[in-house]
C-alpha atoms as a PDB file:
ATOM      1  CA  UNK A   1       0.000   0.000   0.000  1.00  0.00           C
ATOM      2  CA  UNK A   2       1.013   3.588  -0.549  1.00  0.00           C
ATOM      3  CA  UNK A   3      -0.586   6.041   1.858  1.00  0.00           C
ATOM      4  CA  UNK A   4       0.202   9.530   3.060  1.00  0.00           C
ATOM      5  CA  UNK A   5      -0.925  12.569   4.991  1.00  0.00           C
ATOM      6  CA  UNK A   6      -1.651  15.459   2.630  1.00  0.00           C
ATOM      7  CA  UNK A   7      -2.426  18.680   4.453  1.00  0.00           C
ATOM      8  CA  UNK A   8      -2.746  19.372   8.170  1.00  0.00           C
ATOM      9  CA  UNK A   9      -5.333  21.645   9.796  1.00  0.00           C
ATOM     10  CA  UNK A  10      -3.671  22.478  13.114  1.00  0.00           C
ATOM     11  CA  UNK A  11      -6.356  23.908  15.415  1.00  0.00           C
ATOM     12  CA  UNK A  12      -4.112  23.760  18.493  1.00  0.00           C
ATOM     13  CA  UNK A  13      -1.870  26.363  20.124  1.00  0.00           C
ATOM     14  CA  UNK A  14       1.186  24.113  19.649  1.00  0.00           C
ATOM     15  CA  UNK A  15       3.430  23.336  16.714  1.00  0.00           C
ATOM     16  CA  UNK A  16       2.814  20.002  14.967  1.00  0.00           C
ATOM     17  CA  UNK A  17       5.925  18.191  13.756  1.00  0.00           C
ATOM     18  CA  UNK A  18       6.025  15.332  11.256  1.00  0.00           C
ATOM     19  CA  UNK A  19       9.107  13.097  11.278  1.00  0.00           C
ATOM     20  CA  UNK A  20       9.274  10.290   8.743  1.00  0.00           C
ATOM     21  CA  UNK A  21      11.616   7.757  10.320  1.00  0.00           C
ATOM     22  CA  UNK A  22      12.301   6.088   6.952  1.00  0.00           C
ATOM     23  CA  UNK A  23      12.902   9.375   5.097  1.00  0.00           C
ATOM     24  CA  UNK A  24      14.080  11.942   7.678  1.00  0.00           C
ATOM     25  CA  UNK A  25      14.503  14.588   4.968  1.00  0.00           C
ATOM     26  CA  UNK A  26      10.713  14.663   4.621  1.00  0.00           C
ATOM     27  CA  UNK A  27      10.285  16.084   8.149  1.00  0.00           C
ATOM     28  CA  UNK A  28       7.989  19.133   8.363  1.00  0.00           C
ATOM     29  CA  UNK A  29       6.366  21.451  10.916  1.00  0.00           C
ATOM     30  CA  UNK A  30       2.965  23.175  10.961  1.00  0.00           C
ATOM     31  CA  UNK A  31       2.569  26.427  12.909  1.00  0.00           C
ATOM     32  CA  UNK A  32      -0.050  26.752  15.664  1.00  0.00           C
ATOM     33  CA  UNK A  33      -3.617  27.526  14.541  1.00  0.00           C
ATOM     34  CA  UNK A  34      -2.803  27.266  10.854  1.00  0.00           C
ATOM     35  CA  UNK A  35      -3.119  25.015   7.831  1.00  0.00           C
ATOM     36  CA  UNK A  36       0.034  23.399   6.518  1.00  0.00           C
ATOM     37  CA  UNK A  37       0.234  22.070   2.969  1.00  0.00           C
ATOM     38  CA  UNK A  38       2.424  19.188   4.132  1.00  0.00           C
ATOM     39  CA  UNK A  39       2.928  15.759   2.627  1.00  0.00           C
ATOM     40  CA  UNK A  40       4.050  12.922   4.857  1.00  0.00           C
ATOM     41  CA  UNK A  41       4.392   9.377   3.552  1.00  0.00           C
ATOM     42  CA  UNK A  42       3.069   6.695   5.941  1.00  0.00           C
ATOM     43  CA  UNK A  43       5.348   3.709   6.493  1.00  0.00           C
ATOM     44  CA  UNK A  44       4.160   0.106   6.455  1.00  0.00           C
ATOM     45  CA  UNK A  45       6.517  -0.650   9.353  1.00  0.00           C
ATOM     46  CA  UNK A  46       5.584   0.022  12.976  1.00  0.00           C
ATOM     47  CA  UNK A  47       9.315  -0.053  13.784  1.00  0.00           C
ATOM     48  CA  UNK A  48       9.904   2.946  11.445  1.00  0.00           C
ATOM     49  CA  UNK A  49       6.620   4.861  11.558  1.00  0.00           C
ATOM     50  CA  UNK A  50       5.585   8.386  10.766  1.00  0.00           C
ATOM     51  CA  UNK A  51       5.991  10.264  14.059  1.00  0.00           C
ATOM     52  CA  UNK A  52       3.664  13.195  14.758  1.00  0.00           C
ATOM     53  CA  UNK A  53       4.353  15.465  17.735  1.00  0.00           C
ATOM     54  CA  UNK A  54       1.417  17.546  19.003  1.00  0.00           C
ATOM     55  CA  UNK A  55       0.637  19.349  22.245  1.00  0.00           C
ATOM     56  CA  UNK A  56      -0.768  16.055  23.544  1.00  0.00           C
ATOM     57  CA  UNK A  57       2.455  14.129  22.944  1.00  0.00           C
ATOM     58  CA  UNK A  58       4.031  11.886  20.328  1.00  0.00           C
ATOM     59  CA  UNK A  59       1.863   9.684  18.121  1.00  0.00           C
ATOM     60  CA  UNK A  60       3.333   7.104  15.760  1.00  0.00           C
ATOM     61  CA  UNK A  61       1.365   6.239  12.610  1.00  0.00           C
ATOM     62  CA  UNK A  62       1.821   3.354  10.152  1.00  0.00           C
ATOM     63  CA  UNK A  63      -0.296   1.356   7.707  1.00  0.00           C
ATOM     64  CA  UNK A  64      -0.977  -2.313   8.192  1.00  0.00           C
ATOM     65  CA  UNK A  65      -3.403  -4.672   6.449  1.00  0.00           C
ATOM     66  CA  UNK A  66      -5.480  -1.896   4.794  1.00  0.00           C
ATOM     67  CA  UNK A  67      -5.725   0.152   7.982  1.00  0.00           C
ATOM     68  CA  UNK A  68      -3.984   3.310   9.211  1.00  0.00           C
ATOM     69  CA  UNK A  69      -2.950   2.522  12.778  1.00  0.00           C
ATOM     70  CA  UNK A  70      -1.630   4.818  15.480  1.00  0.00           C
ATOM     71  CA  UNK A  71      -0.286   4.725  19.008  1.00  0.00           C
ATOM     72  CA  UNK A  72       0.303   7.573  21.477  1.00  0.00           C
ATOM     73  CA  UNK A  73       3.327   7.533  23.750  1.00  0.00           C
ATOM     74  CA  UNK A  74       1.072   7.485  26.837  1.00  0.00           C
ATOM     75  CA  UNK A  75       0.785   3.686  26.839  1.00  0.00           C
ATOM     76  CA  UNK A  76      -2.856   3.607  25.751  1.00  0.00           C
ATOM     77  CA  UNK A  77      -2.188   1.026  23.032  1.00  0.00           C
ATOM     78  CA  UNK A  78      -2.645   1.075  19.290  1.00  0.00           C
ATOM     79  CA  UNK A  79      -5.867   2.073  17.561  1.00  0.00           C
ATOM     80  CA  UNK A  80      -7.222   2.438  14.023  1.00  0.00           C
ATOM     81  CA  UNK A  81      -7.323   5.971  12.610  1.00  0.00           C
ATOM     82  CA  UNK A  82      -8.874   4.977   9.256  1.00  0.00           C
ATOM     83  CA  UNK A  83      -9.465   2.162   6.814  1.00  0.00           C
ATOM     84  CA  UNK A  84      -7.600   2.250   3.506  1.00  0.00           C
ATOM     85  CA  UNK A  85      -9.922   1.694   0.541  1.00  0.00           C
ATOM     86  CA  UNK A  86      -7.440   2.000  -2.315  1.00  0.00           C
ATOM     87  CA  UNK A  87      -3.762   2.401  -2.966  1.00  0.00           C
ATOM     88  CA  UNK A  88      -2.368   4.973  -3.380  1.00  0.00           C
ATOM     89  CA  UNK A  89      -4.543   6.945  -0.959  1.00  0.00           C
ATOM     90  CA  UNK A  90      -3.959  10.256   0.819  1.00  0.00           C
ATOM     91  CA  UNK A  91      -5.575  11.501   4.012  1.00  0.00           C
ATOM     92  CA  UNK A  92      -6.029  14.989   5.399  1.00  0.00           C
ATOM     93  CA  UNK A  93      -5.184  15.453   9.078  1.00  0.00           C
ATOM     94  CA  UNK A  94      -6.838  17.605  11.714  1.00  0.00           C
ATOM     95  CA  UNK A  95      -5.153  18.311  15.040  1.00  0.00           C
ATOM     96  CA  UNK A  96      -7.755  19.468  17.576  1.00  0.00           C
ATOM     97  CA  UNK A  97      -7.261  22.151  20.221  1.00  0.00           C
ATOM     98  CA  UNK A  98      -6.348  19.350  22.680  1.00  0.00           C
ATOM     99  CA  UNK A  99      -3.719  17.902  20.317  1.00  0.00           C
ATOM    100  CA  UNK A 100      -5.764  14.857  19.315  1.00  0.00           C
ATOM    101  CA  UNK A 101      -5.389  13.603  15.736  1.00  0.00           C
ATOM    102  CA  UNK A 102      -8.075  12.622  13.245  1.00  0.00           C
ATOM    103  CA  UNK A 103      -7.665  11.849   9.549  1.00  0.00           C
ATOM    104  CA  UNK A 104     -10.087  11.792   6.632  1.00  0.00           C
ATOM    105  CA  UNK A 105      -9.946  10.654   2.997  1.00  0.00           C
ATOM    106  CA  UNK A 106      -8.885  13.230   0.435  1.00  0.00           C
END
């Protein structure tokens, strides 16, 4: 699968940083309370995920078996952000005022 984050609506008062652990040169930052026209490729490997830092903490994101999965660094366990319906597929990201992440199909 080929998936990515395309665009980030940062509604929080904190910076949002994207670090692609497979392609570090693709790292990007979105200013507080702004929209960033970012593109971040999502890895298929949990060991080398896309890392997103928000005011809530660090969230790692990867794709696995037609699902976009994520896990916060607070020990809450992994969860599904979205189902992948085709490949390639891009998702828009929203970071809420509390730093929580949601994604939607583009």
